[in-house]
N, C-alpha and C. Protein backbone atom coordinates (compact mmCIF):
# COMPACT_ATOMS: atom_id res chain seq x y z
N MET A 1 -18.88 30.78 18.74
CA MET A 1 -18.33 29.66 18.25
C MET A 1 -17.20 29.65 17.59
N SER A 2 -16.00 29.23 18.23
CA SER A 2 -14.83 29.68 17.15
C SER A 2 -14.44 28.66 16.04
N VAL A 3 -14.43 28.96 14.90
CA VAL A 3 -14.76 27.62 13.93
C VAL A 3 -13.11 27.96 13.18
N PRO A 4 -12.55 26.76 12.68
CA PRO A 4 -11.19 27.35 12.05
C PRO A 4 -11.82 27.38 10.53
N ASN A 5 -10.41 28.26 9.90
CA ASN A 5 -10.78 28.69 8.47
C ASN A 5 -11.30 27.34 7.62
N TRP A 6 -10.42 26.26 8.03
CA TRP A 6 -10.35 25.02 6.99
C TRP A 6 -12.02 24.41 7.19
N LEU A 7 -12.93 24.58 8.23
CA LEU A 7 -14.40 24.47 8.14
C LEU A 7 -15.00 25.20 7.36
N ARG A 8 -14.52 26.15 6.85
CA ARG A 8 -15.42 26.93 6.21
C ARG A 8 -14.99 26.84 4.84
N ARG A 9 -14.05 26.18 4.10
CA ARG A 9 -13.42 26.49 3.02
C ARG A 9 -13.95 25.61 2.08
N LEU A 10 -14.76 26.10 0.92
CA LEU A 10 -15.28 25.24 0.17
C LEU A 10 -14.78 25.82 -1.35
N ARG A 11 -15.19 24.87 -2.40
CA ARG A 11 -14.86 25.11 -3.61
C ARG A 11 -15.11 26.36 -4.03
N PRO A 12 -14.41 26.91 -5.07
CA PRO A 12 -15.26 28.51 -5.45
C PRO A 12 -16.47 27.94 -6.19
N GLY A 13 -17.26 28.99 -5.47
CA GLY A 13 -18.63 28.97 -6.17
C GLY A 13 -19.52 28.18 -5.37
N CYS A 14 -19.16 27.56 -4.18
CA CYS A 14 -19.95 26.99 -3.51
C CYS A 14 -20.36 27.93 -2.11
N ARG A 15 -21.66 27.63 -1.76
CA ARG A 15 -22.05 28.46 -0.17
C ARG A 15 -21.16 28.25 0.69
N ALA A 16 -20.64 29.33 1.61
CA ALA A 16 -19.88 28.88 2.52
C ALA A 16 -20.60 28.51 3.88
N SER A 17 -21.63 28.37 3.90
CA SER A 17 -22.40 27.26 4.80
C SER A 17 -23.54 26.76 4.64
N LEU A 18 -23.81 25.42 5.08
CA LEU A 18 -25.36 25.08 4.75
C LEU A 18 -25.99 25.22 5.53
N VAL A 19 -25.73 25.66 6.76
CA VAL A 19 -26.59 25.75 8.11
C VAL A 19 -26.16 27.16 8.64
N SER A 20 -26.52 27.59 9.25
CA SER A 20 -26.35 28.84 10.02
C SER A 20 -25.40 28.35 11.48
N GLU A 21 -24.70 29.47 12.01
CA GLU A 21 -24.37 29.15 13.36
C GLU A 21 -25.19 28.64 14.56
N ASP A 22 -26.50 29.44 14.56
CA ASP A 22 -27.33 29.43 15.29
C ASP A 22 -28.09 27.73 14.96
N GLU A 23 -28.28 27.35 13.98
CA GLU A 23 -28.79 26.25 13.44
C GLU A 23 -27.79 25.22 13.83
N MET A 24 -26.56 25.41 13.74
CA MET A 24 -25.71 24.33 14.21
C MET A 24 -25.60 24.31 15.58
N ARG A 25 -25.68 25.20 16.38
CA ARG A 25 -26.00 25.13 17.77
C ARG A 25 -26.76 24.45 18.16
N LYS A 26 -28.29 24.21 17.53
CA LYS A 26 -29.33 23.61 17.98
C LYS A 26 -29.23 21.85 17.64
N ILE A 27 -28.26 21.87 16.65
CA ILE A 27 -27.95 20.35 16.08
C ILE A 27 -27.37 19.89 17.27
N ILE A 28 -26.14 20.76 17.81
CA ILE A 28 -25.29 20.11 18.62
C ILE A 28 -25.81 19.69 20.14
N ARG A 29 -26.93 20.85 20.72
CA ARG A 29 -27.38 20.64 21.61
C ARG A 29 -28.38 19.21 21.67
N ARG A 30 -28.81 19.10 20.56
CA ARG A 30 -29.84 17.45 20.34
C ARG A 30 -28.84 16.56 20.44
N GLN A 31 -27.69 16.53 20.37
CA GLN A 31 -26.90 15.08 20.26
C GLN A 31 -26.94 14.49 21.90
N PRO A 32 -27.20 13.37 21.68
CA PRO A 32 -27.40 12.44 23.04
C PRO A 32 -26.24 11.98 23.41
N HIS A 33 -25.26 11.72 22.50
CA HIS A 33 -24.02 10.88 22.98
C HIS A 33 -22.46 11.88 22.83
N GLY A 34 -22.72 12.78 23.30
CA GLY A 34 -21.09 13.80 23.82
C GLY A 34 -21.55 14.61 22.92
N PRO A 35 -20.05 15.05 22.88
CA PRO A 35 -19.81 16.45 21.60
C PRO A 35 -19.57 16.05 20.45
N VAL A 36 -19.94 17.12 19.74
CA VAL A 36 -19.90 17.01 18.10
C VAL A 36 -18.57 17.36 18.00
N ARG A 37 -17.95 16.96 16.77
CA ARG A 37 -16.67 17.11 16.44
C ARG A 37 -16.82 17.38 14.77
N ALA A 38 -16.15 18.28 14.54
CA ALA A 38 -16.22 18.58 13.16
C ALA A 38 -14.87 18.52 12.46
N LEU A 39 -14.84 18.06 11.01
CA LEU A 39 -13.68 17.73 10.24
C LEU A 39 -13.72 18.88 9.31
N PRO A 40 -12.79 18.95 8.27
CA PRO A 40 -13.01 19.60 6.74
C PRO A 40 -14.24 19.36 6.25
N ASN A 41 -14.59 20.37 5.58
CA ASN A 41 -15.79 20.11 4.49
C ASN A 41 -15.46 19.04 3.72
N LEU A 42 -16.58 18.30 3.32
CA LEU A 42 -16.19 17.06 2.40
C LEU A 42 -15.82 17.83 1.06
N LEU A 43 -16.22 18.80 0.60
CA LEU A 43 -16.02 19.35 -0.58
C LEU A 43 -14.53 19.54 -0.65
N THR A 44 -13.93 19.92 0.50
CA THR A 44 -12.27 20.46 0.00
C THR A 44 -11.50 19.32 0.21
N ILE A 45 -11.98 17.88 0.30
CA ILE A 45 -11.10 16.78 0.13
C ILE A 45 -11.48 16.27 -1.21
N GLY A 46 -12.37 16.72 -1.78
CA GLY A 46 -12.36 16.39 -3.38
C GLY A 46 -14.03 15.38 -3.40
N VAL A 47 -14.94 15.43 -2.40
CA VAL A 47 -16.07 14.70 -2.58
C VAL A 47 -16.94 15.77 -3.51
N THR A 48 -17.61 14.92 -4.39
CA THR A 48 -18.24 15.28 -5.57
C THR A 48 -19.57 15.30 -5.34
N ASP A 49 -19.99 14.40 -4.69
CA ASP A 49 -21.35 14.15 -4.16
C ASP A 49 -21.70 13.88 -3.00
N VAL A 50 -22.16 14.62 -1.83
CA VAL A 50 -21.97 14.51 -0.66
C VAL A 50 -23.00 13.25 -0.31
N ASP A 51 -24.27 12.80 -0.90
CA ASP A 51 -25.11 12.14 -0.52
C ASP A 51 -24.76 10.94 -1.09
N ARG A 52 -23.93 10.67 -2.02
CA ARG A 52 -23.71 9.51 -2.54
C ARG A 52 -22.21 8.70 -1.35
N PHE A 53 -21.68 10.05 -1.49
CA PHE A 53 -20.85 10.00 -0.07
C PHE A 53 -21.05 8.95 0.96
N GLY A 54 -22.12 9.59 1.66
CA GLY A 54 -22.61 9.18 2.86
C GLY A 54 -23.01 7.88 2.62
N LEU A 55 -23.67 7.20 1.62
CA LEU A 55 -24.43 6.02 1.19
C LEU A 55 -23.15 4.73 1.19
N ASN A 56 -21.94 5.50 0.35
CA ASN A 56 -21.07 4.76 -0.04
C ASN A 56 -20.11 4.30 1.48
N MET A 57 -20.08 5.50 2.55
CA MET A 57 -19.38 4.89 3.43
C MET A 57 -20.04 4.16 4.26
N GLU A 58 -21.34 4.42 4.31
CA GLU A 58 -22.21 3.10 4.97
C GLU A 58 -22.14 1.96 4.60
N GLU A 59 -21.89 1.74 3.51
CA GLU A 59 -21.97 0.25 2.81
C GLU A 59 -20.71 -0.04 2.71
N GLY A 60 -19.57 0.75 2.64
CA GLY A 60 -18.24 0.36 2.42
C GLY A 60 -17.60 -0.84 3.21
N ALA A 61 -17.79 -0.43 4.51
CA ALA A 61 -17.33 -1.60 5.60
C ALA A 61 -18.08 -2.78 5.25
N LYS A 62 -19.31 -2.86 5.47
CA LYS A 62 -19.93 -4.27 4.98
C LYS A 62 -19.43 -5.13 3.98
N ARG A 63 -19.15 -4.03 2.77
CA ARG A 63 -18.91 -4.81 1.63
C ARG A 63 -17.54 -5.21 1.51
N SER A 64 -16.64 -4.53 2.60
CA SER A 64 -15.13 -5.09 2.77
C SER A 64 -15.32 -6.39 3.62
N ARG A 65 -16.09 -6.37 4.49
CA ARG A 65 -16.19 -7.51 5.35
C ARG A 65 -16.53 -8.65 4.44
N ARG A 66 -17.61 -8.88 3.76
CA ARG A 66 -18.28 -9.66 3.14
C ARG A 66 -17.43 -10.09 2.03
N ALA A 67 -16.49 -9.05 1.17
CA ALA A 67 -15.50 -9.51 0.46
C ALA A 67 -14.61 -10.40 0.90
N MET A 68 -13.87 -10.07 2.21
CA MET A 68 -12.79 -10.68 2.84
C MET A 68 -13.55 -12.21 3.35
N LYS A 69 -14.66 -12.07 3.44
CA LYS A 69 -15.10 -13.54 3.81
C LYS A 69 -15.06 -14.53 2.54
N LEU A 70 -15.37 -14.16 1.44
CA LEU A 70 -15.82 -14.44 -0.09
C LEU A 70 -14.10 -14.58 -0.56
N GLY A 71 -13.19 -14.09 0.01
CA GLY A 71 -12.03 -14.45 -0.78
C GLY A 71 -11.50 -13.37 -1.96
N CYS A 72 -12.38 -12.39 -1.95
CA CYS A 72 -12.31 -11.09 -2.87
C CYS A 72 -11.38 -10.28 -2.19
N TYR A 73 -10.03 -10.58 -2.33
CA TYR A 73 -8.87 -9.79 -1.68
C TYR A 73 -8.57 -8.28 -2.26
N LEU A 74 -8.72 -8.29 -3.64
CA LEU A 74 -8.64 -7.11 -4.32
C LEU A 74 -9.44 -6.05 -4.05
N GLU A 75 -10.77 -6.65 -3.99
CA GLU A 75 -11.89 -5.84 -3.18
C GLU A 75 -11.66 -5.27 -1.93
N VAL A 76 -11.43 -6.08 -0.87
CA VAL A 76 -10.94 -5.75 0.25
C VAL A 76 -10.04 -4.49 0.26
N ILE A 77 -8.74 -4.89 -0.59
CA ILE A 77 -7.70 -3.86 -0.78
C ILE A 77 -8.08 -2.47 -1.24
N SER A 78 -8.91 -2.65 -2.33
CA SER A 78 -9.35 -1.42 -2.87
C SER A 78 -10.18 -0.29 -1.89
N LEU A 79 -11.18 -1.14 -1.13
CA LEU A 79 -11.78 -0.43 -0.31
C LEU A 79 -11.09 0.31 0.80
N ARG A 80 -10.24 -0.51 1.35
CA ARG A 80 -9.22 -0.34 2.52
C ARG A 80 -8.39 0.99 2.12
N ILE A 81 -7.81 1.10 0.60
CA ILE A 81 -7.24 1.90 0.37
C ILE A 81 -8.12 3.46 0.40
N GLN A 82 -9.30 3.15 -0.13
CA GLN A 82 -10.26 4.37 -0.17
C GLN A 82 -10.43 5.06 0.85
N HIS A 83 -10.68 4.28 2.11
CA HIS A 83 -11.25 4.58 3.09
C HIS A 83 -9.83 5.36 3.74
N ALA A 84 -8.53 4.80 3.91
CA ALA A 84 -7.61 5.41 4.39
C ALA A 84 -7.10 6.80 3.74
N GLU A 85 -7.30 6.78 2.52
CA GLU A 85 -6.82 8.07 1.84
C GLU A 85 -8.24 9.05 1.82
N LEU A 86 -9.38 8.89 2.46
CA LEU A 86 -10.10 9.76 2.96
C LEU A 86 -9.68 10.53 3.87
N TRP A 87 -9.04 9.42 5.05
CA TRP A 87 -8.64 10.19 6.20
C TRP A 87 -7.28 11.09 6.13
N LEU A 88 -6.44 10.30 5.07
CA LEU A 88 -5.48 11.41 4.86
C LEU A 88 -5.48 12.54 4.06
N ARG A 89 -6.72 12.49 3.28
CA ARG A 89 -7.05 13.99 2.53
C ARG A 89 -7.53 14.97 3.78
N MET A 90 -8.30 14.39 4.52
CA MET A 90 -8.92 15.02 5.83
C MET A 90 -7.64 15.85 6.51
N TYR A 91 -6.58 15.06 6.89
CA TYR A 91 -5.53 15.21 7.68
C TYR A 91 -4.83 16.53 6.88
N TRP A 92 -4.63 16.24 5.42
CA TRP A 92 -3.65 17.14 4.99
C TRP A 92 -4.51 18.52 4.47
N VAL A 93 -5.87 18.45 4.24
CA VAL A 93 -6.59 19.74 4.18
C VAL A 93 -6.65 20.73 5.39
N ALA A 94 -6.86 19.94 6.75
CA ALA A 94 -6.60 20.68 8.12
C ALA A 94 -5.28 21.30 8.06
N LYS A 95 -4.34 20.61 7.94
CA LYS A 95 -2.61 20.86 8.26
C LYS A 95 -2.12 21.57 7.53
N ASN A 96 -2.26 21.43 6.22
CA ASN A 96 -1.54 22.35 5.03
C ASN A 96 -1.49 23.67 5.31
N ASN A 97 -2.31 24.64 6.41
CA ASN A 97 -2.12 25.87 6.61
C ASN A 97 -1.63 26.83 5.35
N LYS A 98 -2.30 26.39 4.04
CA LYS A 98 -2.23 27.28 2.78
C LYS A 98 -3.63 27.62 2.14
N GLY A 99 -4.36 27.22 2.68
CA GLY A 99 -5.99 27.07 2.27
C GLY A 99 -6.13 26.36 0.89
N LYS A 100 -5.14 25.26 0.97
CA LYS A 100 -5.52 24.51 -0.36
C LYS A 100 -6.25 23.19 0.04
N ILE A 101 -7.00 23.25 -1.32
CA ILE A 101 -8.12 21.89 -1.18
C ILE A 101 -7.63 20.90 -2.18
N ILE A 102 -8.38 19.75 -2.36
CA ILE A 102 -8.26 18.76 -3.47
C ILE A 102 -9.33 19.05 -4.40
N ASP A 103 -8.97 19.28 -5.66
CA ASP A 103 -9.71 19.49 -6.80
C ASP A 103 -10.22 18.66 -7.38
N PRO A 104 -11.73 17.96 -7.26
CA PRO A 104 -11.91 16.47 -7.74
C PRO A 104 -11.94 16.73 -9.31
N GLU A 105 -11.65 17.87 -9.77
CA GLU A 105 -11.79 17.59 -11.32
C GLU A 105 -10.16 17.36 -12.04
N LYS A 106 -9.35 17.51 -11.23
CA LYS A 106 -8.06 17.17 -11.40
C LYS A 106 -7.43 15.59 -11.02
N ARG A 107 -6.95 15.15 -11.53
CA ARG A 107 -6.41 13.56 -11.14
C ARG A 107 -5.02 13.85 -9.91
N GLY A 108 -5.58 13.03 -9.00
CA GLY A 108 -4.59 12.83 -8.11
C GLY A 108 -4.92 13.83 -6.92
N PRO A 109 -3.97 13.75 -5.81
CA PRO A 109 -2.98 13.09 -5.74
C PRO A 109 -3.16 11.80 -5.47
N THR A 110 -1.91 10.79 -5.71
CA THR A 110 -1.99 9.50 -5.45
C THR A 110 -2.10 8.89 -4.43
N PHE A 111 -2.46 7.98 -3.71
CA PHE A 111 -2.43 7.34 -2.60
C PHE A 111 -0.96 7.60 -2.16
N GLY A 112 0.00 7.20 -2.75
CA GLY A 112 1.82 7.54 -1.95
C GLY A 112 1.95 8.70 -2.09
N ASP A 113 1.29 9.81 -3.11
CA ASP A 113 1.53 11.09 -2.79
C ASP A 113 0.95 11.79 -1.40
N MET A 114 -0.26 11.36 -1.15
CA MET A 114 -0.91 11.85 0.15
C MET A 114 -0.21 11.18 1.33
N ILE A 115 0.31 9.94 1.32
CA ILE A 115 1.28 9.73 2.47
C ILE A 115 2.44 10.26 2.68
N GLY A 116 3.03 10.89 1.60
CA GLY A 116 4.18 11.50 1.59
C GLY A 116 4.03 12.88 2.11
N ARG A 117 2.50 13.75 1.50
CA ARG A 117 2.38 15.07 1.99
C ARG A 117 2.01 14.92 3.56
N CYS A 118 1.20 14.43 4.03
CA CYS A 118 0.98 14.05 5.38
C CYS A 118 2.13 13.48 6.25
N ALA A 119 3.03 12.78 5.47
CA ALA A 119 4.17 12.81 6.50
C ALA A 119 4.91 14.12 6.53
N GLY A 120 5.00 14.79 5.58
CA GLY A 120 5.52 16.31 5.60
C GLY A 120 4.99 17.34 6.66
N LEU A 121 3.86 16.62 7.20
CA LEU A 121 3.01 17.75 7.78
C LEU A 121 3.03 16.86 9.35
N GLY A 122 3.83 16.29 9.68
CA GLY A 122 4.06 15.48 10.88
C GLY A 122 2.87 14.35 11.36
N PHE A 123 2.44 13.79 10.25
CA PHE A 123 1.69 12.55 10.85
C PHE A 123 2.58 11.50 11.10
N ARG A 124 1.95 10.71 12.13
CA ARG A 124 2.38 10.04 13.18
C ARG A 124 3.27 8.87 12.37
N SER A 125 4.76 8.74 12.58
CA SER A 125 5.51 7.68 11.72
C SER A 125 5.44 6.32 11.47
N ASP A 126 4.85 5.83 12.98
CA ASP A 126 4.54 4.31 12.58
C ASP A 126 3.17 3.93 11.87
N LEU A 127 2.47 5.23 11.89
CA LEU A 127 1.20 4.98 10.79
C LEU A 127 1.64 4.95 9.28
N ILE A 128 2.72 5.96 9.29
CA ILE A 128 3.35 6.28 7.67
C ILE A 128 3.91 5.03 7.47
N LYS A 129 4.65 4.20 8.08
CA LYS A 129 5.32 3.13 7.58
C LYS A 129 4.52 2.00 7.36
N ARG A 130 3.43 1.98 8.34
CA ARG A 130 2.22 0.94 7.99
C ARG A 130 1.54 1.20 6.48
N LEU A 131 1.14 2.70 6.47
CA LEU A 131 0.87 2.76 4.84
C LEU A 131 1.44 2.63 4.05
N GLU A 132 3.09 2.93 3.91
CA GLU A 132 3.81 2.86 3.03
C GLU A 132 3.92 1.57 2.70
N ASP A 133 3.82 0.43 3.63
CA ASP A 133 3.98 -0.99 3.66
C ASP A 133 2.72 -1.35 2.87
N PHE A 134 1.36 -1.07 3.43
CA PHE A 134 0.15 -1.55 2.63
C PHE A 134 0.38 -0.98 0.94
N ASN A 135 1.02 0.20 0.75
CA ASN A 135 0.75 0.99 -0.42
C ASN A 135 1.84 -0.27 -1.33
N ASP A 136 2.87 -0.61 -0.65
CA ASP A 136 3.74 -1.41 -1.44
C ASP A 136 2.77 -2.72 -1.80
N ASP A 137 2.25 -3.18 -1.12
CA ASP A 137 1.66 -4.73 -0.95
C ASP A 137 0.62 -4.32 -2.08
N ARG A 138 -0.36 -3.03 -2.25
CA ARG A 138 -1.28 -2.82 -3.15
C ARG A 138 -0.99 -2.85 -4.59
N ARG A 139 0.17 -2.21 -4.60
CA ARG A 139 0.84 -2.08 -5.88
C ARG A 139 1.12 -3.34 -6.71
N LYS A 140 1.66 -4.18 -5.97
CA LYS A 140 1.62 -5.55 -6.26
C LYS A 140 0.69 -6.45 -6.62
N ALA A 141 -0.50 -5.91 -5.46
CA ALA A 141 -1.73 -6.96 -5.93
C ALA A 141 -2.49 -6.24 -7.16
N VAL A 142 -2.47 -4.68 -7.21
CA VAL A 142 -3.41 -4.17 -8.26
C VAL A 142 -2.57 -4.11 -9.81
N HIS A 143 -1.42 -3.74 -9.65
CA HIS A 143 -0.60 -3.71 -10.94
C HIS A 143 0.29 -4.87 -11.39
N SER A 144 0.33 -5.87 -10.32
CA SER A 144 1.16 -6.84 -11.11
C SER A 144 0.87 -8.16 -11.00
N TYR A 145 -0.17 -8.71 -10.22
CA TYR A 145 -0.86 -9.51 -9.96
C TYR A 145 -0.96 -10.64 -11.33
N LEU A 146 -1.58 -9.96 -12.22
CA LEU A 146 -1.41 -10.71 -13.55
C LEU A 146 -0.38 -11.08 -14.20
N MET A 147 0.60 -10.31 -13.66
CA MET A 147 2.24 -10.44 -14.50
C MET A 147 2.91 -11.56 -13.69
N GLY A 148 2.36 -11.82 -12.43
CA GLY A 148 2.80 -12.99 -11.69
C GLY A 148 3.90 -12.62 -10.80
N SER A 149 3.48 -11.35 -10.29
CA SER A 149 4.42 -10.99 -9.09
C SER A 149 4.08 -11.53 -7.56
N ILE A 150 2.66 -11.94 -7.54
CA ILE A 150 2.02 -12.75 -6.24
C ILE A 150 0.97 -13.46 -6.95
N ALA A 151 0.71 -14.46 -5.88
CA ALA A 151 -0.36 -15.58 -6.32
C ALA A 151 -1.49 -14.82 -5.60
N TYR A 152 -2.69 -15.11 -6.15
CA TYR A 152 -4.19 -14.41 -5.63
C TYR A 152 -4.22 -14.81 -4.06
N ALA A 153 -3.84 -15.93 -3.49
CA ALA A 153 -3.94 -16.66 -2.16
C ALA A 153 -3.10 -15.79 -1.28
N ASP A 154 -1.87 -15.26 -1.79
CA ASP A 154 -1.04 -14.42 -0.90
C ASP A 154 -1.64 -13.09 -0.68
N LEU A 155 -2.64 -12.65 -1.71
CA LEU A 155 -3.16 -11.51 -1.32
C LEU A 155 -3.88 -11.48 0.24
N ARG A 156 -4.43 -12.44 0.43
CA ARG A 156 -5.06 -12.58 1.84
C ARG A 156 -4.19 -12.20 3.25
N ASP A 157 -2.80 -12.49 2.96
CA ASP A 157 -1.64 -12.10 3.59
C ASP A 157 -1.74 -10.35 3.74
N CYS A 158 -1.80 -10.00 2.86
CA CYS A 158 -1.91 -8.62 2.41
C CYS A 158 -3.04 -8.18 3.48
N CYS A 159 -4.13 -8.27 3.16
CA CYS A 159 -5.31 -7.91 3.72
C CYS A 159 -5.37 -8.07 5.27
N GLU A 160 -4.62 -9.58 5.65
CA GLU A 160 -4.58 -9.47 7.15
C GLU A 160 -3.44 -8.45 7.71
N ARG A 161 -2.43 -8.30 7.03
CA ARG A 161 -1.29 -7.41 7.55
C ARG A 161 -1.84 -6.01 7.70
N SER A 162 -2.85 -5.68 6.96
CA SER A 162 -3.05 -4.31 6.59
C SER A 162 -4.47 -4.12 7.63
N ALA A 163 -5.07 -4.99 8.03
CA ALA A 163 -6.36 -5.22 8.87
C ALA A 163 -6.06 -4.19 9.84
N GLY A 164 -7.35 -3.27 10.12
CA GLY A 164 -7.48 -2.41 11.40
C GLY A 164 -6.49 -1.04 10.60
N LEU A 165 -5.61 -0.96 9.91
CA LEU A 165 -4.93 0.18 9.30
C LEU A 165 -5.65 1.35 8.82
N ASP A 166 -6.89 1.04 8.40
CA ASP A 166 -7.88 2.24 7.93
C ASP A 166 -8.56 2.72 9.20
N ALA A 167 -8.87 1.82 10.21
CA ALA A 167 -9.51 2.39 11.26
C ALA A 167 -8.44 3.32 11.99
N ASP A 168 -7.18 2.83 12.00
CA ASP A 168 -6.08 3.54 13.01
C ASP A 168 -5.60 4.66 12.50
N VAL A 169 -5.75 4.98 11.11
CA VAL A 169 -5.68 6.25 10.51
C VAL A 169 -6.81 7.01 10.76
N ARG A 170 -7.99 6.58 10.68
CA ARG A 170 -9.09 7.23 10.99
C ARG A 170 -9.02 8.08 12.63
N GLN A 171 -8.78 6.92 13.51
CA GLN A 171 -8.71 7.79 14.97
C GLN A 171 -7.61 8.38 15.03
N TYR A 172 -6.56 8.46 14.30
CA TYR A 172 -5.61 9.37 14.68
C TYR A 172 -5.89 10.97 14.08
N VAL A 173 -6.52 10.81 13.11
CA VAL A 173 -6.81 12.14 12.04
C VAL A 173 -7.68 12.91 13.11
N MET A 174 -8.68 11.94 13.71
CA MET A 174 -10.04 12.36 14.42
C MET A 174 -9.54 12.92 15.64
N ASP A 175 -8.48 12.24 16.30
CA ASP A 175 -7.50 13.06 17.48
C ASP A 175 -6.82 14.28 17.01
N GLU A 176 -6.32 14.34 15.92
CA GLU A 176 -5.44 15.37 15.57
C GLU A 176 -6.25 16.55 14.97
N VAL A 177 -7.19 16.55 14.45
CA VAL A 177 -7.75 17.50 13.49
C VAL A 177 -9.15 17.85 13.82
N ALA A 178 -9.70 17.14 14.16
CA ALA A 178 -11.33 17.04 14.59
C ALA A 178 -11.55 18.37 15.83
N VAL A 179 -12.24 19.04 15.43
CA VAL A 179 -12.56 20.33 16.37
C VAL A 179 -14.04 20.03 17.07
N GLU A 180 -14.10 20.28 18.32
CA GLU A 180 -14.99 20.16 19.24
C GLU A 180 -15.95 21.34 19.23
N LEU A 181 -17.21 21.19 18.77
CA LEU A 181 -18.14 22.16 18.47
C LEU A 181 -18.97 22.58 19.81
N GLU A 182 -19.03 23.75 20.12
CA GLU A 182 -19.94 23.75 21.32
C GLU A 182 -20.95 24.54 21.22
N ALA A 183 -22.09 24.00 22.16
CA ALA A 183 -23.61 24.42 21.69
C ALA A 183 -23.56 26.00 21.95
């Protein structure tokens, strides 16, 4: 099985692999829904607790839908930015070709930084524009709402304009960097 270097990269001190290649082949053969695709190791994008990450990912979409129904627009924006940023981090780690990872102990990079970094690595320009527009709306909502720059009801428009953006980013990253694993 040919595995790109970024699939093996971990933070210093971490084990190189949680399962052997033979074990991974067995797992892949048992998949009933077609090919298995691999992305950069979660530890390389700054995830600190993989189990908690899995639980949060599972409930995040539900929480976002519920927040939208309840009119909790800041919550929707917050969850949407985290989801989009996760996929930007995956793209950056896979494409930076320098063996760089995102250190969870250091602050940053910011969402805007990740947009710029990914743009510099060839990320699709129409998605970059949508991400930049969303980031502008997010800054107004999160940092300036109480200062009067936007009415809370107008945050719904921000949520509607960015609906589906994180899913589009996810699909693009999957298409660009996921590696199909063979049994």
